[in-house]
């Protein structure tokens, strides 16, 4: 099943699970759970909902694993299931994508704490400012660009998988990602000049 010391491919793991080695699905979970939660968080804007939905998606994928078409990549299929589940959840709640901004003790708002590579309070403050600015810029993008940015940079999907997932030509995906990044750069221009 595996090729020497190389880890098994996703498709090889799927075959092993379908042949009765159910524990091999845990390898797939380990591979994708973090990226899945990150991607779903960006869509749902709620960390608890993202974790819950990631678990639901993984359970659903396990239950319908026999429907997986091996001519496609497993990750593409997984993120398609996740995207559909997120859209369904958003529709059920009928909520717009909103910020998780909450006021702290000083009355200042913030979304979440990002680990800072710099030491001290100034480094932490700059990191929070960067995270806030980036999140606001991503939130301000039109959906067609925001979704592609999230798939590429938070879902860590290759261009080819995004093209298949979104049913777009590869050139269109690359073009839209380029335009989306340009929009982000323009929105963050003032921040980048600091």
N, C-alpha and C. Protein backbone atom coordinates (compact mmCIF):
# COMPACT_ATOMS: atom_id res chain seq x y z
N UNK A 1 0.83 -1.19 0.00
CA UNK A 1 0.00 0.00 0.00
C UNK A 1 0.87 1.25 0.00
N UNK A 2 1.88 1.36 0.87
CA UNK A 2 2.72 2.55 0.90
C UNK A 2 3.97 2.31 0.09
N UNK A 3 4.57 3.41 -0.36
CA UNK A 3 5.76 3.35 -1.19
C UNK A 3 6.97 3.63 -0.33
N UNK A 4 7.64 2.58 0.18
CA UNK A 4 8.85 2.76 0.98
C UNK A 4 8.56 3.56 2.24
N UNK A 5 9.40 4.56 2.49
CA UNK A 5 9.27 5.37 3.70
C UNK A 5 8.31 6.54 3.51
N UNK A 6 7.81 6.73 2.29
CA UNK A 6 6.89 7.84 2.04
C UNK A 6 5.55 7.56 2.72
N UNK A 7 4.92 8.61 3.25
CA UNK A 7 3.59 8.39 3.84
C UNK A 7 2.59 8.04 2.74
N UNK A 8 1.56 7.31 3.09
CA UNK A 8 0.57 6.93 2.08
C UNK A 8 -0.19 8.17 1.57
N UNK A 9 -0.59 8.12 0.32
CA UNK A 9 -1.39 9.21 -0.24
C UNK A 9 -2.79 9.15 0.37
N UNK A 10 -3.51 10.24 0.19
CA UNK A 10 -4.89 10.28 0.67
C UNK A 10 -5.71 9.17 0.02
N UNK A 11 -5.50 9.00 -1.26
CA UNK A 11 -6.27 8.00 -1.99
C UNK A 11 -5.96 6.58 -1.50
N UNK A 12 -4.69 6.33 -1.16
CA UNK A 12 -4.33 5.02 -0.61
C UNK A 12 -4.98 4.80 0.75
N UNK A 13 -5.05 5.85 1.53
CA UNK A 13 -5.71 5.75 2.84
C UNK A 13 -7.20 5.47 2.68
N UNK A 14 -7.83 6.13 1.72
CA UNK A 14 -9.25 5.90 1.47
C UNK A 14 -9.48 4.44 1.10
N UNK A 15 -8.66 3.90 0.22
CA UNK A 15 -8.79 2.50 -0.18
C UNK A 15 -8.63 1.59 1.05
N UNK A 16 -7.66 1.88 1.91
CA UNK A 16 -7.44 1.07 3.11
C UNK A 16 -8.66 1.10 4.02
N UNK A 17 -9.26 2.29 4.19
CA UNK A 17 -10.45 2.40 5.04
C UNK A 17 -11.60 1.60 4.43
N UNK A 18 -11.77 1.74 3.13
CA UNK A 18 -12.86 1.02 2.46
C UNK A 18 -12.66 -0.50 2.50
N UNK A 19 -11.39 -0.93 2.62
CA UNK A 19 -11.10 -2.36 2.72
C UNK A 19 -11.17 -2.87 4.16
N UNK A 20 -11.55 -2.01 5.09
CA UNK A 20 -11.78 -2.44 6.46
C UNK A 20 -10.82 -1.90 7.50
N UNK A 21 -9.76 -1.20 7.11
CA UNK A 21 -8.80 -0.65 8.07
C UNK A 21 -9.27 0.75 8.50
N UNK A 22 -10.30 0.77 9.34
CA UNK A 22 -10.95 2.02 9.73
C UNK A 22 -10.02 2.99 10.45
N UNK A 23 -8.99 2.48 11.11
CA UNK A 23 -8.06 3.34 11.83
C UNK A 23 -7.31 4.28 10.89
N UNK A 24 -7.19 3.91 9.63
CA UNK A 24 -6.46 4.74 8.67
C UNK A 24 -7.17 6.07 8.42
N UNK A 25 -8.46 6.14 8.71
CA UNK A 25 -9.17 7.40 8.55
C UNK A 25 -8.62 8.45 9.51
N UNK A 26 -8.10 7.99 10.65
CA UNK A 26 -7.49 8.91 11.62
C UNK A 26 -6.30 9.67 11.02
N UNK A 27 -5.59 9.03 10.12
CA UNK A 27 -4.47 9.71 9.44
C UNK A 27 -5.00 10.86 8.59
N UNK A 28 -6.11 10.61 7.90
CA UNK A 28 -6.73 11.67 7.10
C UNK A 28 -7.22 12.81 7.99
N UNK A 29 -7.81 12.46 9.13
CA UNK A 29 -8.27 13.48 10.07
C UNK A 29 -7.08 14.32 10.54
N UNK A 30 -6.00 13.66 10.93
CA UNK A 30 -4.81 14.39 11.38
C UNK A 30 -4.27 15.32 10.29
N UNK A 31 -4.34 14.87 9.05
CA UNK A 31 -3.83 15.66 7.92
C UNK A 31 -4.64 16.92 7.66
N UNK A 32 -5.95 16.82 7.81
CA UNK A 32 -6.82 17.89 7.33
C UNK A 32 -7.60 18.65 8.39
N UNK A 33 -7.66 18.18 9.60
CA UNK A 33 -8.52 18.81 10.59
C UNK A 33 -8.16 20.27 10.84
N UNK A 34 -6.89 20.58 11.01
CA UNK A 34 -6.48 21.96 11.27
C UNK A 34 -6.84 22.90 10.14
N UNK A 35 -6.53 22.48 8.92
CA UNK A 35 -6.85 23.33 7.75
C UNK A 35 -8.36 23.47 7.57
N UNK A 36 -9.08 22.41 7.86
CA UNK A 36 -10.53 22.43 7.73
C UNK A 36 -11.15 23.41 8.73
N UNK A 37 -10.70 23.36 9.97
CA UNK A 37 -11.21 24.27 11.00
C UNK A 37 -10.87 25.71 10.62
N UNK A 38 -9.66 25.94 10.16
CA UNK A 38 -9.26 27.30 9.76
C UNK A 38 -10.14 27.82 8.62
N UNK A 39 -10.36 26.99 7.63
CA UNK A 39 -11.19 27.37 6.49
C UNK A 39 -12.62 27.65 6.95
N UNK A 40 -13.19 26.76 7.75
CA UNK A 40 -14.56 26.94 8.21
C UNK A 40 -14.70 28.16 9.13
N UNK A 41 -13.67 28.44 9.91
CA UNK A 41 -13.71 29.63 10.76
C UNK A 41 -13.83 30.89 9.92
N UNK A 42 -13.08 30.93 8.83
CA UNK A 42 -13.13 32.10 7.97
C UNK A 42 -14.50 32.27 7.32
N UNK A 43 -15.20 31.18 7.09
CA UNK A 43 -16.54 31.26 6.51
C UNK A 43 -17.60 31.57 7.56
N UNK A 44 -17.50 30.91 8.71
CA UNK A 44 -18.55 31.02 9.73
C UNK A 44 -18.32 32.15 10.73
N UNK A 45 -17.06 32.56 10.88
CA UNK A 45 -16.68 33.64 11.78
C UNK A 45 -16.96 33.32 13.25
N UNK A 46 -16.94 32.03 13.57
CA UNK A 46 -17.13 31.60 14.95
C UNK A 46 -16.30 30.34 15.16
N UNK A 47 -15.36 30.42 16.09
CA UNK A 47 -14.41 29.33 16.27
C UNK A 47 -15.10 28.05 16.76
N UNK A 48 -16.06 28.17 17.66
CA UNK A 48 -16.76 26.98 18.15
C UNK A 48 -17.57 26.31 17.04
N UNK A 49 -18.27 27.13 16.25
CA UNK A 49 -19.02 26.58 15.12
C UNK A 49 -18.10 25.91 14.12
N UNK A 50 -16.92 26.51 13.89
CA UNK A 50 -15.95 25.93 12.94
C UNK A 50 -15.48 24.56 13.42
N UNK A 51 -15.17 24.45 14.71
CA UNK A 51 -14.74 23.15 15.25
C UNK A 51 -15.87 22.13 15.16
N UNK A 52 -17.07 22.55 15.54
CA UNK A 52 -18.21 21.63 15.50
C UNK A 52 -18.50 21.16 14.07
N UNK A 53 -18.51 22.12 13.13
CA UNK A 53 -18.82 21.76 11.76
C UNK A 53 -17.72 20.90 11.14
N UNK A 54 -16.47 21.17 11.52
CA UNK A 54 -15.36 20.33 11.01
C UNK A 54 -15.57 18.88 11.45
N UNK A 55 -15.98 18.68 12.69
CA UNK A 55 -16.25 17.32 13.17
C UNK A 55 -17.40 16.69 12.41
N UNK A 56 -18.46 17.47 12.20
CA UNK A 56 -19.62 16.96 11.45
C UNK A 56 -19.21 16.58 10.02
N UNK A 57 -18.40 17.42 9.39
CA UNK A 57 -17.95 17.15 8.02
C UNK A 57 -17.13 15.88 7.98
N UNK A 58 -16.20 15.72 8.92
CA UNK A 58 -15.36 14.53 8.94
C UNK A 58 -16.18 13.26 9.17
N UNK A 59 -17.18 13.34 10.03
CA UNK A 59 -18.06 12.20 10.26
C UNK A 59 -18.85 11.89 8.99
N UNK A 60 -19.39 12.95 8.35
CA UNK A 60 -20.16 12.74 7.12
C UNK A 60 -19.29 12.13 6.03
N UNK A 61 -18.07 12.65 5.88
CA UNK A 61 -17.15 12.12 4.86
C UNK A 61 -16.86 10.65 5.14
N UNK A 62 -16.65 10.32 6.40
CA UNK A 62 -16.40 8.92 6.75
C UNK A 62 -17.59 8.03 6.37
N UNK A 63 -18.79 8.53 6.65
CA UNK A 63 -20.00 7.75 6.39
C UNK A 63 -20.26 7.53 4.89
N UNK A 64 -19.82 8.49 4.07
CA UNK A 64 -20.08 8.37 2.63
C UNK A 64 -18.79 8.18 1.84
N UNK A 65 -17.77 7.67 2.50
CA UNK A 65 -16.46 7.50 1.87
C UNK A 65 -16.54 6.61 0.62
N UNK A 66 -17.49 5.69 0.60
CA UNK A 66 -17.62 4.82 -0.57
C UNK A 66 -18.07 5.58 -1.82
N UNK A 67 -18.55 6.81 -1.65
CA UNK A 67 -18.96 7.63 -2.79
C UNK A 67 -17.80 8.45 -3.37
N UNK A 68 -16.66 8.42 -2.69
CA UNK A 68 -15.49 9.19 -3.17
C UNK A 68 -15.04 8.66 -4.51
N UNK A 69 -14.85 9.54 -5.46
CA UNK A 69 -14.38 9.19 -6.80
C UNK A 69 -12.88 9.39 -6.85
N UNK A 70 -12.13 8.31 -6.94
CA UNK A 70 -10.67 8.35 -6.86
C UNK A 70 -10.01 9.07 -8.02
N UNK A 71 -10.76 9.42 -9.06
CA UNK A 71 -10.15 10.18 -10.14
C UNK A 71 -9.90 11.64 -9.72
N UNK A 72 -10.50 12.06 -8.59
CA UNK A 72 -10.31 13.39 -8.05
C UNK A 72 -9.50 13.30 -6.76
N UNK A 73 -8.95 14.42 -6.33
CA UNK A 73 -8.19 14.43 -5.09
C UNK A 73 -9.14 14.40 -3.89
N UNK A 74 -8.74 13.69 -2.86
CA UNK A 74 -9.54 13.60 -1.65
C UNK A 74 -9.75 14.98 -1.03
N UNK A 75 -8.69 15.79 -0.98
CA UNK A 75 -8.79 17.11 -0.35
C UNK A 75 -9.81 17.99 -1.06
N UNK A 76 -9.88 17.90 -2.37
CA UNK A 76 -10.86 18.69 -3.13
C UNK A 76 -12.27 18.29 -2.71
N UNK A 77 -12.50 17.00 -2.63
CA UNK A 77 -13.81 16.49 -2.23
C UNK A 77 -14.14 16.91 -0.80
N UNK A 78 -13.17 16.77 0.10
CA UNK A 78 -13.38 17.13 1.51
C UNK A 78 -13.75 18.61 1.65
N UNK A 79 -13.02 19.49 0.97
CA UNK A 79 -13.31 20.92 1.09
C UNK A 79 -14.62 21.28 0.40
N UNK A 80 -15.02 20.54 -0.61
CA UNK A 80 -16.33 20.77 -1.24
C UNK A 80 -17.43 20.42 -0.24
N UNK A 81 -17.31 19.29 0.43
CA UNK A 81 -18.29 18.91 1.45
C UNK A 81 -18.33 19.96 2.56
N UNK A 82 -17.16 20.43 2.98
CA UNK A 82 -17.08 21.44 4.04
C UNK A 82 -17.73 22.75 3.60
N UNK A 83 -17.44 23.17 2.39
CA UNK A 83 -18.01 24.41 1.88
C UNK A 83 -19.53 24.32 1.83
N UNK A 84 -20.05 23.23 1.32
CA UNK A 84 -21.50 23.06 1.25
C UNK A 84 -22.13 23.04 2.64
N UNK A 85 -21.47 22.39 3.58
CA UNK A 85 -22.00 22.34 4.96
C UNK A 85 -22.00 23.74 5.58
N UNK A 86 -20.95 24.51 5.33
CA UNK A 86 -20.88 25.88 5.87
C UNK A 86 -21.97 26.75 5.26
N UNK A 87 -22.16 26.64 3.97
CA UNK A 87 -23.20 27.43 3.32
C UNK A 87 -24.57 27.05 3.87
N UNK A 88 -24.81 25.76 4.06
CA UNK A 88 -26.08 25.31 4.64
C UNK A 88 -26.28 25.89 6.04
N UNK A 89 -25.22 25.87 6.84
CA UNK A 89 -25.33 26.39 8.20
C UNK A 89 -25.60 27.89 8.19
N UNK A 90 -24.93 28.62 7.32
CA UNK A 90 -25.15 30.07 7.23
C UNK A 90 -26.59 30.35 6.80
N UNK A 91 -27.08 29.59 5.85
CA UNK A 91 -28.46 29.77 5.39
C UNK A 91 -29.46 29.45 6.51
N UNK A 92 -29.19 28.40 7.25
CA UNK A 92 -30.11 28.03 8.34
C UNK A 92 -30.18 29.13 9.39
N UNK A 93 -29.04 29.69 9.69
CA UNK A 93 -29.02 30.74 10.72
C UNK A 93 -29.45 32.09 10.16
N UNK A 94 -29.39 32.20 8.83
CA UNK A 94 -29.73 33.45 8.15
C UNK A 94 -28.97 34.63 8.72
N UNK A 95 -27.71 34.40 8.98
CA UNK A 95 -26.86 35.47 9.50
C UNK A 95 -25.92 35.93 8.40
N UNK A 96 -25.59 37.20 8.45
CA UNK A 96 -24.54 37.70 7.59
C UNK A 96 -23.22 37.37 8.25
N UNK A 97 -22.15 37.39 7.46
CA UNK A 97 -20.83 37.23 8.05
C UNK A 97 -20.54 38.48 8.87
N UNK A 98 -20.33 38.29 10.17
CA UNK A 98 -20.08 39.44 11.04
C UNK A 98 -18.78 39.22 11.78
N UNK A 99 -18.25 40.30 12.27
CA UNK A 99 -17.00 40.24 13.00
C UNK A 99 -17.24 39.65 14.40
N UNK A 100 -16.23 39.00 14.93
CA UNK A 100 -16.28 38.49 16.30
C UNK A 100 -15.78 39.53 17.29
N UNK A 101 -15.72 40.76 16.85
CA UNK A 101 -15.17 41.86 17.65
C UNK A 101 -15.91 41.97 18.98
N UNK A 102 -15.14 41.96 20.05
CA UNK A 102 -15.69 42.12 21.39
C UNK A 102 -14.88 43.17 22.12
N UNK A 103 -15.54 43.91 23.00
CA UNK A 103 -14.83 44.92 23.77
C UNK A 103 -14.11 44.27 24.94
N UNK A 104 -12.88 44.73 25.19
CA UNK A 104 -12.15 44.25 26.35
C UNK A 104 -12.38 45.21 27.52
N UNK A 105 -11.63 45.06 28.58
CA UNK A 105 -11.84 45.85 29.80
C UNK A 105 -11.68 47.35 29.57
N UNK A 106 -10.81 47.75 28.65
CA UNK A 106 -10.59 49.17 28.37
C UNK A 106 -11.58 49.72 27.36
N UNK A 107 -12.47 48.90 26.86
CA UNK A 107 -13.44 49.34 25.87
C UNK A 107 -12.93 49.26 24.45
N UNK A 108 -11.71 48.76 24.27
CA UNK A 108 -11.16 48.60 22.93
C UNK A 108 -11.65 47.27 22.36
N UNK A 109 -11.96 47.27 21.08
CA UNK A 109 -12.42 46.04 20.45
C UNK A 109 -11.27 45.26 19.85
N UNK A 110 -11.43 43.96 19.81
CA UNK A 110 -10.45 43.10 19.16
C UNK A 110 -11.12 41.80 18.78
N UNK A 111 -10.57 41.14 17.75
CA UNK A 111 -11.16 39.90 17.27
C UNK A 111 -10.62 38.70 18.00
N UNK A 112 -9.30 38.54 18.03
CA UNK A 112 -8.67 37.41 18.70
C UNK A 112 -7.21 37.74 18.92
N UNK A 113 -6.59 36.98 19.76
CA UNK A 113 -5.16 37.17 20.01
C UNK A 113 -4.36 36.33 19.04
N UNK A 114 -3.41 36.97 18.38
CA UNK A 114 -2.52 36.26 17.47
C UNK A 114 -1.17 36.12 18.16
N UNK A 115 -0.53 34.97 18.08
CA UNK A 115 0.79 34.84 18.70
C UNK A 115 1.78 35.79 18.04
N UNK A 116 2.56 36.45 18.85
CA UNK A 116 3.48 37.46 18.35
C UNK A 116 4.90 36.90 18.28
N UNK A 117 5.56 37.09 17.12
CA UNK A 117 6.96 36.69 17.04
C UNK A 117 7.87 37.70 17.76
N UNK A 118 7.32 38.89 18.02
CA UNK A 118 8.09 39.91 18.71
C UNK A 118 7.82 39.80 20.21
N UNK A 119 8.75 40.28 20.99
CA UNK A 119 8.59 40.24 22.44
C UNK A 119 7.99 41.54 22.96
N UNK A 120 7.28 41.45 24.05
CA UNK A 120 6.81 42.63 24.75
C UNK A 120 5.45 43.12 24.29
N UNK A 121 4.90 44.09 25.03
CA UNK A 121 3.56 44.60 24.75
C UNK A 121 3.45 45.29 23.39
N UNK A 122 4.51 46.00 22.97
CA UNK A 122 4.45 46.67 21.68
C UNK A 122 4.32 45.65 20.56
N UNK A 123 5.09 44.59 20.62
CA UNK A 123 5.01 43.54 19.60
C UNK A 123 3.64 42.90 19.57
N UNK A 124 3.06 42.67 20.74
CA UNK A 124 1.72 42.09 20.80
C UNK A 124 0.68 43.04 20.22
N UNK A 125 0.84 44.34 20.52
CA UNK A 125 -0.09 45.33 20.00
C UNK A 125 0.00 45.40 18.47
N UNK A 126 1.22 45.42 17.94
CA UNK A 126 1.41 45.48 16.49
C UNK A 126 0.84 44.22 15.82
N UNK A 127 1.01 43.09 16.45
CA UNK A 127 0.49 41.84 15.90
C UNK A 127 -1.04 41.87 15.85
N UNK A 128 -1.65 42.37 16.92
CA UNK A 128 -3.11 42.49 16.95
C UNK A 128 -3.58 43.46 15.87
N UNK A 129 -2.86 44.57 15.73
CA UNK A 129 -3.23 45.55 14.70
C UNK A 129 -3.12 44.93 13.31
N UNK A 130 -2.05 44.19 13.07
CA UNK A 130 -1.87 43.52 11.77
C UNK A 130 -3.02 42.54 11.51
N UNK A 131 -3.31 41.72 12.52
CA UNK A 131 -4.38 40.73 12.37
C UNK A 131 -5.72 41.40 12.10
N UNK A 132 -6.00 42.48 12.84
CA UNK A 132 -7.25 43.21 12.63
C UNK A 132 -7.32 43.80 11.23
N UNK A 133 -6.23 44.42 10.80
CA UNK A 133 -6.20 45.05 9.48
C UNK A 133 -6.38 44.02 8.38
N UNK A 134 -5.69 42.89 8.49
CA UNK A 134 -5.80 41.84 7.47
C UNK A 134 -7.20 41.27 7.45
N UNK A 135 -7.76 40.99 8.62
CA UNK A 135 -9.11 40.41 8.66
C UNK A 135 -10.13 41.38 8.10
N UNK A 136 -10.02 42.67 8.43
CA UNK A 136 -10.95 43.66 7.88
C UNK A 136 -10.82 43.76 6.37
N UNK A 137 -9.59 43.71 5.87
CA UNK A 137 -9.38 43.78 4.43
C UNK A 137 -9.97 42.56 3.73
N UNK A 138 -9.78 41.38 4.31
CA UNK A 138 -10.35 40.16 3.72
C UNK A 138 -11.88 40.23 3.76
N UNK A 139 -12.43 40.68 4.88
CA UNK A 139 -13.89 40.78 5.01
C UNK A 139 -14.49 41.76 4.00
N UNK A 140 -13.72 42.78 3.62
CA UNK A 140 -14.21 43.81 2.70
C UNK A 140 -14.15 43.36 1.23
N UNK A 141 -13.47 42.27 0.94
CA UNK A 141 -13.38 41.79 -0.44
C UNK A 141 -14.74 41.28 -0.91
N UNK A 142 -15.04 41.43 -2.20
CA UNK A 142 -16.24 40.77 -2.73
C UNK A 142 -16.12 39.25 -2.52
N UNK A 143 -17.27 38.59 -2.34
CA UNK A 143 -17.28 37.18 -1.97
C UNK A 143 -16.46 36.32 -2.93
N UNK A 144 -16.54 36.56 -4.23
CA UNK A 144 -15.86 35.70 -5.19
C UNK A 144 -14.34 35.72 -4.98
N UNK A 145 -13.80 36.85 -4.53
CA UNK A 145 -12.37 36.94 -4.28
C UNK A 145 -12.03 36.44 -2.87
N UNK A 146 -12.88 36.79 -1.92
CA UNK A 146 -12.65 36.37 -0.52
C UNK A 146 -12.63 34.85 -0.43
N UNK A 147 -13.57 34.20 -1.09
CA UNK A 147 -13.65 32.75 -1.03
C UNK A 147 -12.38 32.10 -1.58
N UNK A 148 -11.88 32.60 -2.69
CA UNK A 148 -10.67 32.04 -3.29
C UNK A 148 -9.45 32.29 -2.39
N UNK A 149 -9.37 33.48 -1.80
CA UNK A 149 -8.27 33.78 -0.87
C UNK A 149 -8.32 32.82 0.31
N UNK A 150 -9.50 32.57 0.84
CA UNK A 150 -9.64 31.67 1.99
C UNK A 150 -9.25 30.24 1.61
N UNK A 151 -9.69 29.78 0.46
CA UNK A 151 -9.34 28.42 0.03
C UNK A 151 -7.83 28.27 -0.15
N UNK A 152 -7.21 29.27 -0.77
CA UNK A 152 -5.78 29.18 -1.08
C UNK A 152 -4.91 29.37 0.16
N UNK A 153 -5.20 30.39 0.95
CA UNK A 153 -4.28 30.76 2.03
C UNK A 153 -4.67 30.21 3.39
N UNK A 154 -5.92 29.89 3.60
CA UNK A 154 -6.31 29.33 4.89
C UNK A 154 -6.66 27.85 4.75
N UNK A 155 -7.19 27.47 3.61
CA UNK A 155 -7.44 26.05 3.33
C UNK A 155 -6.21 25.37 2.76
N UNK A 156 -5.24 26.17 2.32
CA UNK A 156 -3.97 25.68 1.77
C UNK A 156 -4.16 24.74 0.58
N UNK A 157 -5.18 25.02 -0.23
CA UNK A 157 -5.42 24.18 -1.40
C UNK A 157 -4.60 24.69 -2.58
N UNK A 158 -4.07 23.78 -3.40
CA UNK A 158 -3.37 24.20 -4.61
C UNK A 158 -4.35 24.79 -5.62
N UNK A 159 -3.81 25.57 -6.55
CA UNK A 159 -4.65 26.21 -7.56
C UNK A 159 -5.53 25.21 -8.30
N UNK A 160 -4.95 24.07 -8.66
CA UNK A 160 -5.68 23.08 -9.43
C UNK A 160 -6.90 22.56 -8.67
N UNK A 161 -6.75 22.35 -7.38
CA UNK A 161 -7.88 21.86 -6.58
C UNK A 161 -8.96 22.92 -6.43
N UNK A 162 -8.53 24.18 -6.30
CA UNK A 162 -9.50 25.27 -6.21
C UNK A 162 -10.28 25.34 -7.52
N UNK A 163 -9.58 25.23 -8.65
CA UNK A 163 -10.24 25.28 -9.95
C UNK A 163 -11.28 24.17 -10.06
N UNK A 164 -10.92 22.98 -9.63
CA UNK A 164 -11.87 21.86 -9.69
C UNK A 164 -13.04 22.09 -8.73
N UNK A 165 -12.74 22.53 -7.52
CA UNK A 165 -13.76 22.76 -6.50
C UNK A 165 -14.76 23.82 -6.94
N UNK A 166 -14.26 24.89 -7.52
CA UNK A 166 -15.11 26.00 -7.93
C UNK A 166 -15.63 25.85 -9.36
N UNK A 167 -15.18 24.80 -10.04
CA UNK A 167 -15.57 24.54 -11.42
C UNK A 167 -15.26 25.75 -12.31
N UNK A 168 -14.00 26.22 -12.17
CA UNK A 168 -13.51 27.35 -12.96
C UNK A 168 -12.25 26.90 -13.69
N UNK A 169 -11.96 27.52 -14.82
CA UNK A 169 -10.68 27.24 -15.47
C UNK A 169 -9.52 27.67 -14.56
N UNK A 170 -8.41 26.96 -14.64
CA UNK A 170 -7.25 27.26 -13.80
C UNK A 170 -6.80 28.71 -13.98
N UNK A 171 -6.78 29.19 -15.21
CA UNK A 171 -6.36 30.57 -15.47
C UNK A 171 -7.26 31.59 -14.77
N UNK A 172 -8.55 31.30 -14.71
CA UNK A 172 -9.50 32.19 -14.04
C UNK A 172 -9.22 32.24 -12.54
N UNK A 173 -8.95 31.08 -11.96
CA UNK A 173 -8.64 31.03 -10.54
C UNK A 173 -7.39 31.85 -10.24
N UNK A 174 -6.35 31.65 -11.03
CA UNK A 174 -5.11 32.40 -10.81
C UNK A 174 -5.33 33.89 -11.00
N UNK A 175 -6.10 34.26 -12.02
CA UNK A 175 -6.38 35.66 -12.28
C UNK A 175 -7.16 36.30 -11.13
N UNK A 176 -8.19 35.60 -10.66
CA UNK A 176 -9.01 36.15 -9.56
C UNK A 176 -8.20 36.23 -8.26
N UNK A 177 -7.36 35.24 -8.02
CA UNK A 177 -6.51 35.31 -6.83
C UNK A 177 -5.54 36.48 -6.94
N UNK A 178 -4.98 36.71 -8.11
CA UNK A 178 -4.09 37.85 -8.32
C UNK A 178 -4.84 39.15 -8.05
N UNK A 179 -6.05 39.28 -8.63
CA UNK A 179 -6.84 40.50 -8.41
C UNK A 179 -7.24 40.65 -6.94
N UNK A 180 -7.59 39.54 -6.30
CA UNK A 180 -7.94 39.60 -4.88
C UNK A 180 -6.77 40.05 -4.03
N UNK A 181 -5.58 39.54 -4.33
CA UNK A 181 -4.38 39.97 -3.59
C UNK A 181 -4.09 41.44 -3.85
N UNK A 182 -4.30 41.89 -5.08
CA UNK A 182 -4.08 43.30 -5.40
C UNK A 182 -5.05 44.18 -4.60
N UNK A 183 -6.30 43.75 -4.50
CA UNK A 183 -7.29 44.49 -3.70
C UNK A 183 -6.87 44.54 -2.24
N UNK A 184 -6.37 43.40 -1.72
CA UNK A 184 -5.90 43.37 -0.34
C UNK A 184 -4.73 44.33 -0.16
N UNK A 185 -3.82 44.33 -1.10
CA UNK A 185 -2.65 45.22 -1.02
C UNK A 185 -3.10 46.68 -0.99
N UNK A 186 -4.07 47.02 -1.83
CA UNK A 186 -4.58 48.39 -1.86
C UNK A 186 -5.26 48.75 -0.53
N UNK A 187 -6.05 47.83 0.00
CA UNK A 187 -6.75 48.08 1.26
C UNK A 187 -5.78 48.20 2.43
N UNK A 188 -4.65 47.49 2.33
CA UNK A 188 -3.67 47.49 3.43
C UNK A 188 -2.53 48.46 3.18
N UNK A 189 -2.60 49.26 2.13
CA UNK A 189 -1.50 50.14 1.75
C UNK A 189 -1.08 51.07 2.90
N UNK A 190 -2.06 51.73 3.53
CA UNK A 190 -1.72 52.64 4.63
C UNK A 190 -1.05 51.90 5.78
N UNK A 191 -1.58 50.71 6.06
CA UNK A 191 -1.01 49.92 7.15
C UNK A 191 0.41 49.45 6.82
N UNK A 192 0.64 49.08 5.56
CA UNK A 192 1.94 48.58 5.13
C UNK A 192 3.00 49.67 5.14
N UNK A 193 2.58 50.92 4.96
CA UNK A 193 3.54 52.02 4.94
C UNK A 193 4.07 52.37 6.32
N UNK A 194 3.36 51.96 7.38
CA UNK A 194 3.80 52.26 8.77
C UNK A 194 5.11 51.57 9.08
